[in-house]
Amino acid sequence: MIKVAFVGCGGIQAVHQKNVSKLDRVKIVGHCDILPDRAEARAAQYGGEAFTEFEAMYDKAKPHAVFIAVPPYAHVGMEEAAAQRGIHLFIEKPIAIDYDMAKRIAAAIQSAKIVCSVAYCFRYYDTVALARKILKGKAVSLITGTWNGGMPGVWWWRQMDKSGGQIVEQTTHMFDLARYLCGDVAEVHSVASTGCMTKVENFDVHDSSVVSLRMKSGAISSFTSSCVANNGAHVGLQIITPEATMRFQGGKLTVIEDGRTTEYSSKVDMYAEESRVFIDAVRSGKKNKIRSSYADALKTFLVTWAANESIRTGMPVKP
């Protein structure tokens, strides 16, 4: 029986709790949140005890694994405390608010040799696995990604020192998917706009941004982000090779090659799949099916960190 606990009881954690509760030979033993009512509500729903302090939960509930889903600024030692106790970690993105925080957590995980999975959920679509297969051996020329939508309603998202801005908090999924499919990033150059959201209280993140990447393979990439698109959202990734153009949106993969267009729809729930794979890894001790380790997620985080640094300095930055 694998005992599981949760730090943070917000919206995305509710998804993880629901999926974990359906897994065989798993017992939910604890829920921790700074708001006692939220932790108590989840405990009443899924079993286990409610806590407001993560170390108290670790020591009393003694979980084998913990799911951490907190805002970027709120990674205040729960990963290190879990690692010190040999507790395996599932961590929601973004993994940190700054470089020093991410490196500190990475060192604790490496030292403890625990299983760790980071929730870059798009990697768990079967259509992404198919895209990797189709791309194998092909030279990628151009990658374009988009995360355009409205502003999330949570207060911390609109503050740069709490969320890291849209590049770090949302578009990170597209940067990560590009890395997963097309390899690592050599250089980042970014620009951003502000001034459209002056009526929003305590708003200091960028309204929109454009990030250009030079991939280590030689391919080039462009990613747009906007949180002012209140009348139509678009999230997606396009990859262009001489043989094929591939478009990924949601779980659907569109492949255009040899004059024909083929659409593939995903048959899996990416959230359920990432939870299942993590629990299986905890049970077996084998990490090979985890598609985003902390060390790999750190590379994606550093791309988004470099993007913000390039906006600040006006200069290209190496992640």
C-alpha atoms as a PDB file:
ATOM      1  CA  MET A   1       0.000   0.000   0.000  1.00  0.00           C
ATOM      2  CA  ILE A   2       1.434   3.380  -1.040  1.00  0.00           C
ATOM      3  CA  LYS A   3       0.550   6.184   1.375  1.00  0.00           C
ATOM      4  CA  VAL A   4       0.105   9.559  -0.351  1.00  0.00           C
ATOM      5  CA  ALA A   5      -0.231  13.099   1.001  1.00  0.00           C
ATOM      6  CA  PHE A   6      -0.825  16.483  -0.627  1.00  0.00           C
ATOM      7  CA  VAL A   7       0.665  19.937  -0.007  1.00  0.00           C
ATOM      8  CA  GLY A   8      -1.631  22.629  -1.378  1.00  0.00           C
ATOM      9  CA  CYS A   9      -5.359  22.098  -1.906  1.00  0.00           C
ATOM     10  CA  GLY A  10      -6.097  24.402  -4.833  1.00  0.00           C
ATOM     11  CA  GLY A  11      -7.720  23.695  -8.197  1.00  0.00           C
ATOM     12  CA  ILE A  12      -5.031  21.619  -9.914  1.00  0.00           C
ATOM     13  CA  GLN A  13      -4.438  19.604  -6.741  1.00  0.00           C
ATOM     14  CA  ALA A  14      -8.099  18.617  -6.814  1.00  0.00           C
ATOM     15  CA  VAL A  15      -7.398  16.985 -10.182  1.00  0.00           C
ATOM     16  CA  HIS A  16      -4.458  15.045  -8.756  1.00  0.00           C
ATOM     17  CA  GLN A  17      -6.400  13.998  -5.650  1.00  0.00           C
ATOM     18  CA  LYS A  18      -9.255  12.692  -7.758  1.00  0.00           C
ATOM     19  CA  ASN A  19      -6.907  10.683  -9.984  1.00  0.00           C
ATOM     20  CA  VAL A  20      -4.835   9.285  -7.119  1.00  0.00           C
ATOM     21  CA  SER A  21      -7.969   8.244  -5.251  1.00  0.00           C
ATOM     22  CA  LYS A  22      -8.850   5.939  -8.164  1.00  0.00           C
ATOM     23  CA  LEU A  23      -5.542   4.047  -8.145  1.00  0.00           C
ATOM     24  CA  ASP A  24      -5.290   0.568  -6.668  1.00  0.00           C
ATOM     25  CA  ARG A  25      -3.291  -0.058  -3.497  1.00  0.00           C
ATOM     26  CA  VAL A  26      -3.032   3.633  -2.646  1.00  0.00           C
ATOM     27  CA  LYS A  27      -4.131   5.233   0.617  1.00  0.00           C
ATOM     28  CA  ILE A  28      -4.514   9.003   0.965  1.00  0.00           C
ATOM     29  CA  VAL A  29      -3.244   9.973   4.419  1.00  0.00           C
ATOM     30  CA  GLY A  30      -2.951  13.758   4.519  1.00  0.00           C
ATOM     31  CA  HIS A  31      -3.872  17.140   3.067  1.00  0.00           C
ATOM     32  CA  CYS A  32      -1.987  20.337   3.914  1.00  0.00           C
ATOM     33  CA  ASP A  33      -3.011  23.905   3.127  1.00  0.00           C
ATOM     34  CA  ILE A  34      -2.532  27.290   4.802  1.00  0.00           C
ATOM     35  CA  LEU A  35      -6.333  27.572   4.707  1.00  0.00           C
ATOM     36  CA  PRO A  36      -7.608  24.973   7.200  1.00  0.00           C
ATOM     37  CA  ASP A  37     -11.069  24.787   5.636  1.00  0.00           C
ATOM     38  CA  ARG A  38      -9.647  23.678   2.288  1.00  0.00           C
ATOM     39  CA  ALA A  39      -7.530  20.932   3.836  1.00  0.00           C
ATOM     40  CA  GLU A  40     -10.450  19.751   5.958  1.00  0.00           C
ATOM     41  CA  ALA A  41     -12.782  19.651   2.947  1.00  0.00           C
ATOM     42  CA  ARG A  42     -10.347  17.475   0.976  1.00  0.00           C
ATOM     43  CA  ALA A  43      -9.803  15.191   3.964  1.00  0.00           C
ATOM     44  CA  ALA A  44     -13.554  14.744   4.290  1.00  0.00           C
ATOM     45  CA  GLN A  45     -13.779  13.918   0.588  1.00  0.00           C
ATOM     46  CA  TYR A  46     -10.791  11.623   0.144  1.00  0.00           C
ATOM     47  CA  GLY A  47      -9.838  10.443   3.623  1.00  0.00           C
ATOM     48  CA  GLY A  48      -6.722  11.222   5.604  1.00  0.00           C
ATOM     49  CA  GLU A  49      -6.041  14.020   8.049  1.00  0.00           C
ATOM     50  CA  ALA A  50      -6.020  17.798   7.510  1.00  0.00           C
ATOM     51  CA  PHE A  51      -2.905  19.855   8.338  1.00  0.00           C
ATOM     52  CA  THR A  52      -1.701  23.448   8.027  1.00  0.00           C
ATOM     53  CA  GLU A  53       2.036  22.621   8.393  1.00  0.00           C
ATOM     54  CA  PHE A  54       3.725  20.269   5.951  1.00  0.00           C
ATOM     55  CA  GLU A  55       6.410  19.016   8.342  1.00  0.00           C
ATOM     56  CA  ALA A  56       3.754  18.060  10.878  1.00  0.00           C
ATOM     57  CA  MET A  57       1.959  16.120   8.137  1.00  0.00           C
ATOM     58  CA  TYR A  58       5.142  14.361   7.027  1.00  0.00           C
ATOM     59  CA  ASP A  59       5.962  13.286  10.569  1.00  0.00           C
ATOM     60  CA  LYS A  60       2.477  12.231  11.643  1.00  0.00           C
ATOM     61  CA  ALA A  61       0.972  10.797   8.445  1.00  0.00           C
ATOM     62  CA  LYS A  62       4.296   9.336   7.265  1.00  0.00           C
ATOM     63  CA  PRO A  63       3.503   9.294   3.530  1.00  0.00           C
ATOM     64  CA  HIS A  64       5.617   7.403   1.037  1.00  0.00           C
ATOM     65  CA  ALA A  65       4.910  10.091  -1.582  1.00  0.00           C
ATOM     66  CA  VAL A  66       3.647  13.663  -1.606  1.00  0.00           C
ATOM     67  CA  PHE A  67       2.054  15.752  -4.346  1.00  0.00           C
ATOM     68  CA  ILE A  68       3.093  19.422  -4.106  1.00  0.00           C
ATOM     69  CA  ALA A  69       0.937  21.999  -5.890  1.00  0.00           C
ATOM     70  CA  VAL A  70       1.558  25.524  -4.635  1.00  0.00           C
ATOM     71  CA  PRO A  71       2.090  28.904  -6.357  1.00  0.00           C
ATOM     72  CA  PRO A  72       5.659  29.531  -7.587  1.00  0.00           C
ATOM     73  CA  TYR A  73       6.574  31.833  -4.682  1.00  0.00           C
ATOM     74  CA  ALA A  74       5.292  29.345  -2.081  1.00  0.00           C
ATOM     75  CA  HIS A  75       7.975  26.656  -2.427  1.00  0.00           C
ATOM     76  CA  VAL A  76       9.202  27.317   1.094  1.00  0.00           C
ATOM     77  CA  GLY A  77      11.015  24.126   2.030  1.00  0.00           C
ATOM     78  CA  MET A  78       8.398  21.405   1.548  1.00  0.00           C
ATOM     79  CA  GLU A  79      10.477  19.643  -1.120  1.00  0.00           C
ATOM     80  CA  GLU A  80      13.672  19.694   0.940  1.00  0.00           C
ATOM     81  CA  ALA A  81      11.821  18.507   4.059  1.00  0.00           C
ATOM     82  CA  ALA A  82      10.280  15.631   2.114  1.00  0.00           C
ATOM     83  CA  ALA A  83      13.598  14.672   0.534  1.00  0.00           C
ATOM     84  CA  GLN A  84      15.297  14.608   3.930  1.00  0.00           C
ATOM     85  CA  ARG A  85      12.680  12.097   5.097  1.00  0.00           C
ATOM     86  CA  GLY A  86      12.976   9.946   1.955  1.00  0.00           C
ATOM     87  CA  ILE A  87       9.501  10.936   0.751  1.00  0.00           C
ATOM     88  CA  HIS A  88       9.066  10.747  -3.030  1.00  0.00           C
ATOM     89  CA  LEU A  89       7.905  13.899  -4.820  1.00  0.00           C
ATOM     90  CA  PHE A  90       5.394  14.853  -7.502  1.00  0.00           C
ATOM     91  CA  ILE A  91       5.746  18.610  -8.098  1.00  0.00           C
ATOM     92  CA  GLU A  92       3.454  20.872 -10.095  1.00  0.00           C
ATOM     93  CA  LYS A  93       5.004  23.376 -12.466  1.00  0.00           C
ATOM     94  CA  PRO A  94       6.401  25.971 -12.172  1.00  0.00           C
ATOM     95  CA  ILE A  95       9.004  24.387  -9.929  1.00  0.00           C
ATOM     96  CA  ALA A  96      10.254  27.683  -8.433  1.00  0.00           C
ATOM     97  CA  ILE A  97      10.147  31.474  -8.570  1.00  0.00           C
ATOM     98  CA  ASP A  98      13.881  32.034  -9.084  1.00  0.00           C
ATOM     99  CA  TYR A  99      17.110  30.311 -10.039  1.00  0.00           C
ATOM    100  CA  ASP A 100      18.466  29.886  -6.493  1.00  0.00           C
ATOM    101  CA  MET A 101      15.268  28.258  -5.241  1.00  0.00           C
ATOM    102  CA  ALA A 102      15.200  25.780  -8.127  1.00  0.00           C
ATOM    103  CA  LYS A 103      18.869  24.840  -7.742  1.00  0.00           C
ATOM    104  CA  ARG A 104      18.438  24.322  -3.987  1.00  0.00           C
ATOM    105  CA  ILE A 105      15.488  21.965  -4.468  1.00  0.00           C
ATOM    106  CA  ALA A 106      17.294  20.104  -7.259  1.00  0.00           C
ATOM    107  CA  ALA A 107      20.289  19.497  -4.984  1.00  0.00           C
ATOM    108  CA  ALA A 108      18.074  18.131  -2.189  1.00  0.00           C
ATOM    109  CA  ILE A 109      16.323  15.717  -4.556  1.00  0.00           C
ATOM    110  CA  GLN A 110      19.589  14.516  -6.083  1.00  0.00           C
ATOM    111  CA  SER A 111      21.169  13.985  -2.681  1.00  0.00           C
ATOM    112  CA  ALA A 112      18.188  11.987  -1.365  1.00  0.00           C
ATOM    113  CA  LYS A 113      17.956   9.821  -4.525  1.00  0.00           C
ATOM    114  CA  ILE A 114      14.168   9.841  -4.291  1.00  0.00           C
ATOM    115  CA  VAL A 115      11.695   9.436  -7.153  1.00  0.00           C
ATOM    116  CA  CYS A 116      10.594  12.835  -8.449  1.00  0.00           C
ATOM    117  CA  SER A 117       8.192  13.708 -11.243  1.00  0.00           C
ATOM    118  CA  VAL A 118       7.360  17.233 -12.401  1.00  0.00           C
ATOM    119  CA  ALA A 119       3.894  17.811 -13.821  1.00  0.00           C
ATOM    120  CA  TYR A 120       4.638  18.755 -17.411  1.00  0.00           C
ATOM    121  CA  CYS A 121       1.431  16.980 -18.272  1.00  0.00           C
ATOM    122  CA  PHE A 122       1.494  17.466 -22.058  1.00  0.00           C
ATOM    123  CA  ARG A 123       4.343  14.954 -22.226  1.00  0.00           C
ATOM    124  CA  TYR A 124       1.898  12.212 -21.212  1.00  0.00           C
ATOM    125  CA  TYR A 125      -0.381  12.524 -24.227  1.00  0.00           C
ATOM    126  CA  ASP A 126      -0.125   9.502 -26.526  1.00  0.00           C
ATOM    127  CA  THR A 127      -0.176  11.966 -29.421  1.00  0.00           C
ATOM    128  CA  VAL A 128       3.038  13.552 -28.110  1.00  0.00           C
ATOM    129  CA  ALA A 129       4.659  10.116 -28.066  1.00  0.00           C
ATOM    130  CA  LEU A 130       3.536   9.712 -31.684  1.00  0.00           C
ATOM    131  CA  ALA A 131       4.958  13.134 -32.577  1.00  0.00           C
ATOM    132  CA  ARG A 132       8.339  12.137 -31.130  1.00  0.00           C
ATOM    133  CA  LYS A 133       8.269   8.994 -33.269  1.00  0.00           C
ATOM    134  CA  ILE A 134       7.411  10.928 -36.436  1.00  0.00           C
ATOM    135  CA  LEU A 135      10.108  13.534 -35.734  1.00  0.00           C
ATOM    136  CA  LYS A 136      12.873  10.998 -35.136  1.00  0.00           C
ATOM    137  CA  GLY A 137      15.681  11.589 -37.617  1.00  0.00           C
ATOM    138  CA  LYS A 138      14.069  14.700 -39.097  1.00  0.00           C
ATOM    139  CA  ALA A 139      15.774  18.093 -39.130  1.00  0.00           C
ATOM    140  CA  VAL A 140      13.542  20.698 -37.486  1.00  0.00           C
ATOM    141  CA  SER A 141      13.717  24.189 -39.001  1.00  0.00           C
ATOM    142  CA  LEU A 142      11.069  26.243 -37.188  1.00  0.00           C
ATOM    143  CA  ILE A 143       9.023  25.914 -33.975  1.00  0.00           C
ATOM    144  CA  THR A 144       6.223  28.322 -33.083  1.00  0.00           C
ATOM    145  CA  GLY A 145       4.224  28.246 -29.865  1.00  0.00           C
ATOM    146  CA  THR A 146       1.347  30.250 -28.442  1.00  0.00           C
ATOM    147  CA  TRP A 147      -0.312  30.717 -25.063  1.00  0.00           C
ATOM    148  CA  ASN A 148      -2.826  33.504 -25.558  1.00  0.00           C
ATOM    149  CA  GLY A 149      -5.801  33.870 -23.229  1.00  0.00           C
ATOM    150  CA  GLY A 150      -7.337  35.874 -20.428  1.00  0.00           C
ATOM    151  CA  MET A 151      -5.889  36.637 -17.012  1.00  0.00           C
ATOM    152  CA  PRO A 152      -6.281  33.884 -14.394  1.00  0.00           C
ATOM    153  CA  GLY A 153      -8.373  34.953 -11.421  1.00  0.00           C
ATOM    154  CA  VAL A 154      -5.996  34.105  -8.554  1.00  0.00           C
ATOM    155  CA  TRP A 155      -4.440  37.172  -6.932  1.00  0.00           C
ATOM    156  CA  TRP A 156      -0.826  36.005  -6.956  1.00  0.00           C
ATOM    157  CA  TRP A 157      -0.747  35.370 -10.709  1.00  0.00           C
ATOM    158  CA  ARG A 158      -0.774  39.091 -11.570  1.00  0.00           C
ATOM    159  CA  GLN A 159       2.294  39.863  -9.398  1.00  0.00           C
ATOM    160  CA  MET A 160       5.722  39.242 -10.914  1.00  0.00           C
ATOM    161  CA  ASP A 161       7.435  38.417  -7.626  1.00  0.00           C
ATOM    162  CA  LYS A 162       4.765  35.798  -6.845  1.00  0.00           C
ATOM    163  CA  SER A 163       4.165  34.060 -10.198  1.00  0.00           C
ATOM    164  CA  GLY A 164       7.118  34.945 -12.400  1.00  0.00           C
ATOM    165  CA  GLY A 165       4.654  36.180 -15.000  1.00  0.00           C
ATOM    166  CA  GLN A 166       2.888  34.335 -17.799  1.00  0.00           C
ATOM    167  CA  ILE A 167       6.082  32.988 -19.382  1.00  0.00           C
ATOM    168  CA  VAL A 168       7.029  31.161 -16.179  1.00  0.00           C
ATOM    169  CA  GLU A 169       3.545  30.210 -15.018  1.00  0.00           C
ATOM    170  CA  GLN A 170       1.673  29.258 -18.216  1.00  0.00           C
ATOM    171  CA  THR A 171       3.707  29.337 -21.419  1.00  0.00           C
ATOM    172  CA  THR A 172       6.258  27.110 -19.676  1.00  0.00           C
ATOM    173  CA  HIS A 173       4.158  24.196 -20.990  1.00  0.00           C
ATOM    174  CA  MET A 174       4.882  25.191 -24.597  1.00  0.00           C
ATOM    175  CA  PHE A 175       8.593  25.755 -23.945  1.00  0.00           C
ATOM    176  CA  ASP A 176       8.748  22.359 -22.287  1.00  0.00           C
ATOM    177  CA  LEU A 177       6.911  20.617 -25.110  1.00  0.00           C
ATOM    178  CA  ALA A 178       9.302  22.184 -27.632  1.00  0.00           C
ATOM    179  CA  ARG A 179      12.265  20.935 -25.602  1.00  0.00           C
ATOM    180  CA  TYR A 180      10.763  17.459 -25.270  1.00  0.00           C
ATOM    181  CA  LEU A 181      10.124  17.163 -29.005  1.00  0.00           C
ATOM    182  CA  CYS A 182      13.006  19.158 -30.487  1.00  0.00           C
ATOM    183  CA  GLY A 183      15.877  19.309 -27.992  1.00  0.00           C
ATOM    184  CA  ASP A 184      17.483  21.876 -25.740  1.00  0.00           C
ATOM    185  CA  VAL A 185      17.833  25.647 -26.028  1.00  0.00           C
ATOM    186  CA  ALA A 186      21.080  27.527 -26.667  1.00  0.00           C
ATOM    187  CA  GLU A 187      19.957  31.169 -26.460  1.00  0.00           C
ATOM    188  CA  VAL A 188      16.896  33.232 -25.538  1.00  0.00           C
ATOM    189  CA  HIS A 189      15.916  36.740 -26.658  1.00  0.00           C
ATOM    190  CA  SER A 190      12.637  38.346 -25.570  1.00  0.00           C
ATOM    191  CA  VAL A 191      10.533  41.497 -25.685  1.00  0.00           C
ATOM    192  CA  ALA A 192       7.328  42.328 -23.822  1.00  0.00           C
ATOM    193  CA  SER A 193       4.551  44.904 -23.707  1.00  0.00           C
ATOM    194  CA  THR A 194       2.675  46.520 -20.827  1.00  0.00           C
ATOM    195  CA  GLY A 195      -0.031  49.166 -20.461  1.00  0.00           C
ATOM    196  CA  CYS A 196      -3.224  47.325 -21.435  1.00  0.00           C
ATOM    197  CA  MET A 197      -4.073  46.143 -17.920  1.00  0.00           C
ATOM    198  CA  THR A 198      -3.752  49.380 -15.945  1.00  0.00           C
ATOM    199  CA  LYS A 199      -7.269  49.005 -14.524  1.00  0.00           C
ATOM    200  CA  VAL A 200      -6.335  45.707 -12.824  1.00  0.00           C
ATOM    201  CA  GLU A 201      -5.270  46.232  -9.221  1.00  0.00           C
ATOM    202  CA  ASN A 202      -1.771  45.068  -8.231  1.00  0.00           C
ATOM    203  CA  PHE A 203      -0.939  43.964 -11.786  1.00  0.00           C
ATOM    204  CA  ASP A 204       2.751  44.153 -12.691  1.00  0.00           C
ATOM    205  CA  VAL A 205       3.367  41.162 -14.996  1.00  0.00           C
ATOM    206  CA  HIS A 206       3.757  41.615 -18.754  1.00  0.00           C
ATOM    207  CA  ASP A 207       0.585  41.970 -20.819  1.00  0.00           C
ATOM    208  CA  SER A 208       2.131  40.116 -23.771  1.00  0.00           C
ATOM    209  CA  SER A 209       5.537  38.852 -24.833  1.00  0.00           C
ATOM    210  CA  VAL A 210       7.428  37.388 -27.753  1.00  0.00           C
ATOM    211  CA  VAL A 211      10.304  34.999 -27.003  1.00  0.00           C
ATOM    212  CA  SER A 212      12.776  33.883 -29.659  1.00  0.00           C
ATOM    213  CA  LEU A 213      14.874  30.781 -29.064  1.00  0.00           C
ATOM    214  CA  ARG A 214      17.873  29.384 -30.847  1.00  0.00           C
ATOM    215  CA  MET A 215      17.851  25.637 -30.303  1.00  0.00           C
ATOM    216  CA  LYS A 216      21.079  23.685 -29.881  1.00  0.00           C
ATOM    217  CA  SER A 217      20.126  21.745 -33.024  1.00  0.00           C
ATOM    218  CA  GLY A 218      20.200  24.963 -35.075  1.00  0.00           C
ATOM    219  CA  ALA A 219      16.418  25.300 -35.316  1.00  0.00           C
ATOM    220  CA  ILE A 220      14.796  28.611 -34.415  1.00  0.00           C
ATOM    221  CA  SER A 221      11.654  29.149 -32.339  1.00  0.00           C
ATOM    222  CA  SER A 222       9.173  31.889 -31.553  1.00  0.00           C
ATOM    223  CA  PHE A 223       6.675  31.862 -28.660  1.00  0.00           C
ATOM    224  CA  THR A 224       3.948  34.406 -28.010  1.00  0.00           C
ATOM    225  CA  SER A 225       2.153  34.894 -24.718  1.00  0.00           C
ATOM    226  CA  SER A 226      -0.729  37.190 -23.862  1.00  0.00           C
ATOM    227  CA  CYS A 227      -3.084  37.467 -20.889  1.00  0.00           C
ATOM    228  CA  VAL A 228      -5.250  40.189 -22.474  1.00  0.00           C
ATOM    229  CA  ALA A 229      -7.028  37.934 -24.991  1.00  0.00           C
ATOM    230  CA  ASN A 230     -10.434  38.009 -23.298  1.00  0.00           C
ATOM    231  CA  ASN A 231     -12.344  37.272 -26.509  1.00  0.00           C
ATOM    232  CA  GLY A 232     -10.626  34.126 -27.673  1.00  0.00           C
ATOM    233  CA  ALA A 233      -7.882  31.896 -26.325  1.00  0.00           C
ATOM    234  CA  HIS A 234      -5.352  29.873 -28.282  1.00  0.00           C
ATOM    235  CA  VAL A 235      -2.745  27.448 -26.972  1.00  0.00           C
ATOM    236  CA  GLY A 236      -0.668  25.369 -29.331  1.00  0.00           C
ATOM    237  CA  LEU A 237       2.650  24.356 -30.871  1.00  0.00           C
ATOM    238  CA  GLN A 238       3.726  23.993 -34.496  1.00  0.00           C
ATOM    239  CA  ILE A 239       6.862  22.253 -35.746  1.00  0.00           C
ATOM    240  CA  ILE A 240       8.086  22.574 -39.334  1.00  0.00           C
ATOM    241  CA  THR A 241      10.470  20.139 -41.034  1.00  0.00           C
ATOM    242  CA  PRO A 242      11.179  19.634 -44.766  1.00  0.00           C
ATOM    243  CA  GLU A 243       9.099  16.439 -44.693  1.00  0.00           C
ATOM    244  CA  ALA A 244       6.184  17.471 -42.511  1.00  0.00           C
ATOM    245  CA  THR A 245       4.419  20.206 -40.597  1.00  0.00           C
ATOM    246  CA  MET A 246       3.058  19.149 -37.215  1.00  0.00           C
ATOM    247  CA  ARG A 247       0.511  21.051 -35.157  1.00  0.00           C
ATOM    248  CA  PHE A 248      -0.339  20.215 -31.581  1.00  0.00           C
ATOM    249  CA  GLN A 249      -3.369  21.679 -29.795  1.00  0.00           C
ATOM    250  CA  GLY A 250      -4.874  20.169 -26.685  1.00  0.00           C
ATOM    251  CA  GLY A 251      -4.556  16.432 -27.190  1.00  0.00           C
ATOM    252  CA  LYS A 252      -4.925  16.631 -30.977  1.00  0.00           C
ATOM    253  CA  LEU A 253      -1.955  16.204 -33.319  1.00  0.00           C
ATOM    254  CA  THR A 254      -2.264  17.303 -36.937  1.00  0.00           C
ATOM    255  CA  VAL A 255       0.373  16.091 -39.399  1.00  0.00           C
ATOM    256  CA  ILE A 256       0.639  17.581 -42.894  1.00  0.00           C
ATOM    257  CA  GLU A 257       2.901  15.589 -45.227  1.00  0.00           C
ATOM    258  CA  ASP A 258       2.979  14.383 -48.837  1.00  0.00           C
ATOM    259  CA  GLY A 259      -0.014  16.537 -49.705  1.00  0.00           C
ATOM    260  CA  ARG A 260      -2.311  15.017 -47.097  1.00  0.00           C
ATOM    261  CA  THR A 261      -3.468  16.042 -43.626  1.00  0.00           C
ATOM    262  CA  THR A 262      -3.948  13.468 -40.868  1.00  0.00           C
ATOM    263  CA  GLU A 263      -5.435  14.199 -37.460  1.00  0.00           C
ATOM    264  CA  TYR A 264      -4.783  12.087 -34.377  1.00  0.00           C
ATOM    265  CA  SER A 265      -6.831  12.526 -31.190  1.00  0.00           C
ATOM    266  CA  SER A 266      -5.449  11.495 -27.839  1.00  0.00           C
ATOM    267  CA  LYS A 267      -6.983   8.456 -26.159  1.00  0.00           C
ATOM    268  CA  VAL A 268      -5.529   9.149 -22.715  1.00  0.00           C
ATOM    269  CA  ASP A 269      -6.154  11.587 -19.864  1.00  0.00           C
ATOM    270  CA  MET A 270      -2.770  13.277 -19.460  1.00  0.00           C
ATOM    271  CA  TYR A 271      -3.408  14.138 -15.799  1.00  0.00           C
ATOM    272  CA  ALA A 272      -4.447  10.611 -14.874  1.00  0.00           C
ATOM    273  CA  GLU A 273      -1.504   9.169 -16.784  1.00  0.00           C
ATOM    274  CA  GLU A 274       1.143  11.311 -15.065  1.00  0.00           C
ATOM    275  CA  SER A 275      -0.230  10.367 -11.626  1.00  0.00           C
ATOM    276  CA  ARG A 276      -0.344   6.661 -12.494  1.00  0.00           C
ATOM    277  CA  VAL A 277       3.217   6.662 -13.832  1.00  0.00           C
ATOM    278  CA  PHE A 278       4.511   8.441 -10.724  1.00  0.00           C
ATOM    279  CA  ILE A 279       2.819   6.050  -8.287  1.00  0.00           C
ATOM    280  CA  ASP A 280       4.069   3.070 -10.314  1.00  0.00           C
ATOM    281  CA  ALA A 281       7.597   4.474 -10.070  1.00  0.00           C
ATOM    282  CA  VAL A 282       7.280   4.904  -6.307  1.00  0.00           C
ATOM    283  CA  ARG A 283       6.023   1.334  -6.015  1.00  0.00           C
ATOM    284  CA  SER A 284       8.727  -0.211  -8.208  1.00  0.00           C
ATOM    285  CA  GLY A 285      11.623   2.169  -7.613  1.00  0.00           C
ATOM    286  CA  LYS A 286      12.107   2.421 -11.386  1.00  0.00           C
ATOM    287  CA  LYS A 287      12.147   5.967 -12.766  1.00  0.00           C
ATOM    288  CA  ASN A 288      12.459   5.231 -16.491  1.00  0.00           C
ATOM    289  CA  LYS A 289       8.797   5.901 -17.369  1.00  0.00           C
ATOM    290  CA  ILE A 290       8.700   9.316 -15.685  1.00  0.00           C
ATOM    291  CA  ARG A 291       8.801  11.804 -18.546  1.00  0.00           C
ATOM    292  CA  SER A 292       9.938  14.889 -16.625  1.00  0.00           C
ATOM    293  CA  SER A 293      12.431  14.511 -13.807  1.00  0.00           C
ATOM    294  CA  TYR A 294      13.289  17.527 -11.674  1.00  0.00           C
ATOM    295  CA  ALA A 295      16.642  17.856 -13.419  1.00  0.00           C
ATOM    296  CA  ASP A 296      14.904  17.987 -16.790  1.00  0.00           C
ATOM    297  CA  ALA A 297      12.201  20.366 -15.556  1.00  0.00           C
ATOM    298  CA  LEU A 298      14.968  22.634 -14.285  1.00  0.00           C
ATOM    299  CA  LYS A 299      16.156  23.053 -17.893  1.00  0.00           C
ATOM    300  CA  THR A 300      12.692  24.259 -18.902  1.00  0.00           C
ATOM    301  CA  PHE A 301      12.526  26.588 -15.906  1.00  0.00           C
ATOM    302  CA  LEU A 302      15.870  28.104 -16.860  1.00  0.00           C
ATOM    303  CA  VAL A 303      14.550  28.843 -20.358  1.00  0.00           C
ATOM    304  CA  THR A 304      11.630  30.791 -18.869  1.00  0.00           C
ATOM    305  CA  TRP A 305      13.935  32.491 -16.358  1.00  0.00           C
ATOM    306  CA  ALA A 306      16.233  33.501 -19.229  1.00  0.00           C
ATOM    307  CA  ALA A 307      13.243  34.880 -21.146  1.00  0.00           C
ATOM    308  CA  ASN A 308      12.342  37.196 -18.267  1.00  0.00           C
ATOM    309  CA  GLU A 309      15.987  38.182 -17.848  1.00  0.00           C
ATOM    310  CA  SER A 310      16.210  39.039 -21.551  1.00  0.00           C
ATOM    311  CA  ILE A 311      13.106  41.239 -21.260  1.00  0.00           C
ATOM    312  CA  ARG A 312      14.716  43.009 -18.304  1.00  0.00           C
ATOM    313  CA  THR A 313      18.101  43.573 -19.942  1.00  0.00           C
ATOM    314  CA  GLY A 314      17.178  43.769 -23.613  1.00  0.00           C
ATOM    315  CA  MET A 315      19.946  41.302 -24.373  1.00  0.00           C
ATOM    316  CA  PRO A 316      20.089  37.615 -25.424  1.00  0.00           C
ATOM    317  CA  VAL A 317      20.562  35.236 -22.489  1.00  0.00           C
ATOM    318  CA  LYS A 318      21.920  31.686 -22.357  1.00  0.00           C
ATOM    319  CA  PRO A 319      19.720  29.510 -20.113  1.00  0.00           C
END
